[in-house]
Amino acid sequence: MSKVLNLPERQDAEGSWHMVLKDVCGWCGCGYLVAEDDHDLVWEPGRHHDKHCSDDECECHTRARVGRRHDEW
């Protein structure tokens, strides 16, 4: 029997829906969401200080990215 994934969904900048997974920045440890079907598609909360962040002056996530690719600013 196959497993049915019960993941939350988010809408990307173009209006398509994606199941999302939690991930962390490899540089500082801040959390963000990635699309399950396209790991370059991210949802970042913007200016924040995640309790797991290892950098007190973290600038990785200085503005929110809602359903956009890493290379789209």
N, C-alpha and C. Protein backbone atom coordinates (compact mmCIF):
# COMPACT_ATOMS: atom_id res chain seq x y z
N MET A 1 0.83 -1.17 0.00
CA MET A 1 0.00 0.00 0.00
C MET A 1 0.89 1.25 0.00
N SER A 2 0.60 2.18 -0.86
CA SER A 2 1.42 3.39 -0.92
C SER A 2 0.95 4.41 0.11
N LYS A 3 1.89 5.25 0.54
CA LYS A 3 1.57 6.29 1.51
C LYS A 3 0.98 7.49 0.80
N VAL A 4 0.02 8.13 1.42
CA VAL A 4 -0.53 9.37 0.90
C VAL A 4 0.09 10.50 1.69
N LEU A 5 0.77 11.40 1.00
CA LEU A 5 1.40 12.52 1.69
C LEU A 5 0.34 13.53 2.08
N ASN A 6 0.40 13.96 3.30
CA ASN A 6 -0.52 14.97 3.81
C ASN A 6 0.27 16.23 4.10
N LEU A 7 0.82 16.83 3.08
CA LEU A 7 1.66 18.01 3.25
C LEU A 7 0.84 19.28 3.07
N PRO A 8 1.23 20.36 3.75
CA PRO A 8 0.54 21.62 3.53
C PRO A 8 0.80 22.13 2.12
N GLU A 9 -0.07 22.99 1.63
CA GLU A 9 0.09 23.55 0.30
C GLU A 9 0.22 25.06 0.37
N ARG A 10 0.96 25.61 -0.59
CA ARG A 10 1.11 27.06 -0.73
C ARG A 10 0.99 27.39 -2.21
N GLN A 11 0.52 28.60 -2.46
CA GLN A 11 0.38 29.07 -3.83
C GLN A 11 1.63 29.86 -4.21
N ASP A 12 2.16 29.60 -5.41
CA ASP A 12 3.35 30.33 -5.85
C ASP A 12 2.97 31.68 -6.46
N ALA A 13 3.96 32.45 -6.86
CA ALA A 13 3.75 33.80 -7.39
C ALA A 13 2.94 33.80 -8.68
N GLU A 14 2.89 32.67 -9.38
CA GLU A 14 2.16 32.58 -10.64
C GLU A 14 0.77 31.97 -10.46
N GLY A 15 0.40 31.62 -9.23
CA GLY A 15 -0.93 31.11 -8.96
C GLY A 15 -1.07 29.59 -8.90
N SER A 16 0.01 28.85 -9.12
CA SER A 16 -0.03 27.39 -9.05
C SER A 16 0.14 26.94 -7.60
N TRP A 17 -0.50 25.83 -7.27
CA TRP A 17 -0.40 25.28 -5.91
C TRP A 17 0.66 24.19 -5.85
N HIS A 18 1.38 24.15 -4.72
CA HIS A 18 2.45 23.16 -4.50
C HIS A 18 2.39 22.66 -3.06
N MET A 19 2.66 21.37 -2.87
CA MET A 19 2.87 20.85 -1.53
C MET A 19 4.25 21.34 -1.09
N VAL A 20 4.39 21.70 0.19
CA VAL A 20 5.64 22.27 0.66
C VAL A 20 6.25 21.46 1.80
N LEU A 21 7.56 21.52 1.88
CA LEU A 21 8.34 20.86 2.92
C LEU A 21 9.15 21.92 3.66
N LYS A 22 9.43 21.67 4.94
CA LYS A 22 10.30 22.56 5.70
C LYS A 22 11.74 22.26 5.34
N ASP A 23 12.55 23.31 5.25
CA ASP A 23 13.98 23.16 5.00
C ASP A 23 14.71 24.22 5.81
N VAL A 24 16.02 24.11 5.88
CA VAL A 24 16.82 25.11 6.59
C VAL A 24 17.96 25.59 5.71
N CYS A 25 18.33 26.83 5.90
CA CYS A 25 19.44 27.42 5.18
C CYS A 25 20.74 26.73 5.60
N GLY A 26 21.52 26.29 4.63
CA GLY A 26 22.79 25.62 4.92
C GLY A 26 23.83 26.57 5.49
N TRP A 27 23.63 27.85 5.30
CA TRP A 27 24.59 28.85 5.77
C TRP A 27 24.38 29.18 7.25
N CYS A 28 23.12 29.43 7.64
CA CYS A 28 22.88 29.94 9.00
C CYS A 28 21.89 29.10 9.82
N GLY A 29 21.09 28.26 9.18
CA GLY A 29 20.14 27.43 9.90
C GLY A 29 18.73 27.98 9.97
N CYS A 30 18.46 29.14 9.35
CA CYS A 30 17.09 29.70 9.34
C CYS A 30 16.16 28.78 8.56
N GLY A 31 14.92 28.69 9.01
CA GLY A 31 13.95 27.83 8.36
C GLY A 31 13.18 28.54 7.26
N TYR A 32 12.76 27.78 6.26
CA TYR A 32 11.91 28.27 5.18
C TYR A 32 11.20 27.08 4.56
N LEU A 33 10.32 27.31 3.61
CA LEU A 33 9.58 26.24 2.94
C LEU A 33 10.04 26.10 1.50
N VAL A 34 10.04 24.87 0.98
CA VAL A 34 10.35 24.61 -0.42
C VAL A 34 9.24 23.76 -1.01
N ALA A 35 9.00 23.92 -2.30
CA ALA A 35 8.01 23.10 -2.98
C ALA A 35 8.51 21.67 -3.06
N GLU A 36 7.64 20.73 -2.79
CA GLU A 36 8.01 19.31 -2.81
C GLU A 36 8.41 18.88 -4.22
N ASP A 37 7.80 19.47 -5.24
CA ASP A 37 8.07 19.08 -6.62
C ASP A 37 9.13 19.93 -7.30
N ASP A 38 9.64 20.98 -6.63
CA ASP A 38 10.65 21.87 -7.22
C ASP A 38 11.37 22.59 -6.09
N HIS A 39 12.50 22.07 -5.67
CA HIS A 39 13.21 22.60 -4.50
C HIS A 39 13.82 23.98 -4.71
N ASP A 40 13.78 24.52 -5.92
CA ASP A 40 14.23 25.89 -6.15
C ASP A 40 13.12 26.90 -5.90
N LEU A 41 11.91 26.43 -5.69
CA LEU A 41 10.75 27.29 -5.44
C LEU A 41 10.59 27.40 -3.93
N VAL A 42 10.74 28.63 -3.38
CA VAL A 42 10.79 28.81 -1.93
C VAL A 42 9.78 29.82 -1.41
N TRP A 43 9.46 29.67 -0.14
CA TRP A 43 8.65 30.61 0.62
C TRP A 43 9.46 30.96 1.86
N GLU A 44 9.94 32.19 1.93
CA GLU A 44 10.72 32.65 3.07
C GLU A 44 9.93 33.74 3.80
N PRO A 45 10.00 33.74 5.12
CA PRO A 45 9.20 34.70 5.88
C PRO A 45 9.70 36.13 5.84
N GLY A 46 10.87 36.36 5.33
CA GLY A 46 11.39 37.73 5.31
C GLY A 46 12.17 38.04 6.57
N ARG A 47 12.21 39.32 6.93
CA ARG A 47 13.03 39.76 8.07
C ARG A 47 12.55 39.08 9.35
N HIS A 48 13.41 38.32 9.93
CA HIS A 48 13.11 37.60 11.16
C HIS A 48 14.42 37.11 11.75
N HIS A 49 14.37 36.62 12.95
CA HIS A 49 15.53 35.95 13.52
C HIS A 49 15.05 34.61 14.06
N ASP A 50 15.33 33.58 13.31
CA ASP A 50 14.94 32.23 13.67
C ASP A 50 15.74 31.80 14.90
N LYS A 51 15.09 31.11 15.83
CA LYS A 51 15.81 30.69 17.05
C LYS A 51 16.92 29.69 16.76
N HIS A 52 16.89 29.06 15.59
CA HIS A 52 17.93 28.10 15.22
C HIS A 52 19.05 28.74 14.41
N CYS A 53 18.95 30.05 14.15
CA CYS A 53 19.94 30.75 13.34
C CYS A 53 21.26 30.85 14.09
N SER A 54 22.34 30.52 13.40
CA SER A 54 23.66 30.55 14.03
C SER A 54 24.37 31.88 13.84
N ASP A 55 23.73 32.82 13.14
CA ASP A 55 24.36 34.11 12.84
C ASP A 55 23.48 35.24 13.38
N ASP A 56 23.95 35.94 14.40
CA ASP A 56 23.17 37.02 15.01
C ASP A 56 22.88 38.16 14.05
N GLU A 57 23.67 38.30 13.00
CA GLU A 57 23.46 39.36 12.02
C GLU A 57 23.03 38.77 10.67
N CYS A 58 22.21 37.74 10.73
CA CYS A 58 21.76 37.02 9.55
C CYS A 58 21.12 37.96 8.53
N GLU A 59 21.58 37.90 7.30
CA GLU A 59 20.99 38.67 6.23
C GLU A 59 20.52 37.77 5.08
N CYS A 60 20.40 36.48 5.35
CA CYS A 60 19.98 35.54 4.30
C CYS A 60 18.57 35.79 3.83
N HIS A 61 17.70 36.16 4.74
CA HIS A 61 16.29 36.26 4.43
C HIS A 61 15.79 37.65 4.79
N THR A 62 16.31 38.66 4.12
CA THR A 62 16.00 40.04 4.49
C THR A 62 14.66 40.54 3.97
N ARG A 63 14.08 39.87 3.00
CA ARG A 63 12.73 40.22 2.56
C ARG A 63 11.99 38.96 2.15
N ALA A 64 10.70 39.01 2.33
CA ALA A 64 9.90 37.82 2.08
C ALA A 64 9.93 37.40 0.61
N ARG A 65 10.01 36.11 0.38
CA ARG A 65 9.86 35.52 -0.96
C ARG A 65 8.70 34.56 -0.88
N VAL A 66 7.65 34.83 -1.60
CA VAL A 66 6.45 34.01 -1.53
C VAL A 66 6.27 33.28 -2.85
N GLY A 67 6.69 32.01 -2.85
CA GLY A 67 6.53 31.19 -4.04
C GLY A 67 7.36 31.64 -5.22
N ARG A 68 8.59 32.04 -4.96
CA ARG A 68 9.50 32.47 -6.02
C ARG A 68 10.76 31.61 -5.98
N ARG A 69 11.45 31.59 -7.09
CA ARG A 69 12.70 30.82 -7.19
C ARG A 69 13.82 31.56 -6.48
N HIS A 70 14.84 30.80 -6.07
CA HIS A 70 16.00 31.38 -5.38
C HIS A 70 16.64 32.49 -6.20
N ASP A 71 16.66 32.35 -7.52
CA ASP A 71 17.36 33.33 -8.35
C ASP A 71 16.47 34.51 -8.78
N GLU A 72 15.20 34.53 -8.35
CA GLU A 72 14.30 35.63 -8.70
C GLU A 72 14.20 36.60 -7.53
N TRP A 73 14.74 37.77 -7.68
CA TRP A 73 14.64 38.80 -6.64
C TRP A 73 13.91 39.93 -7.23
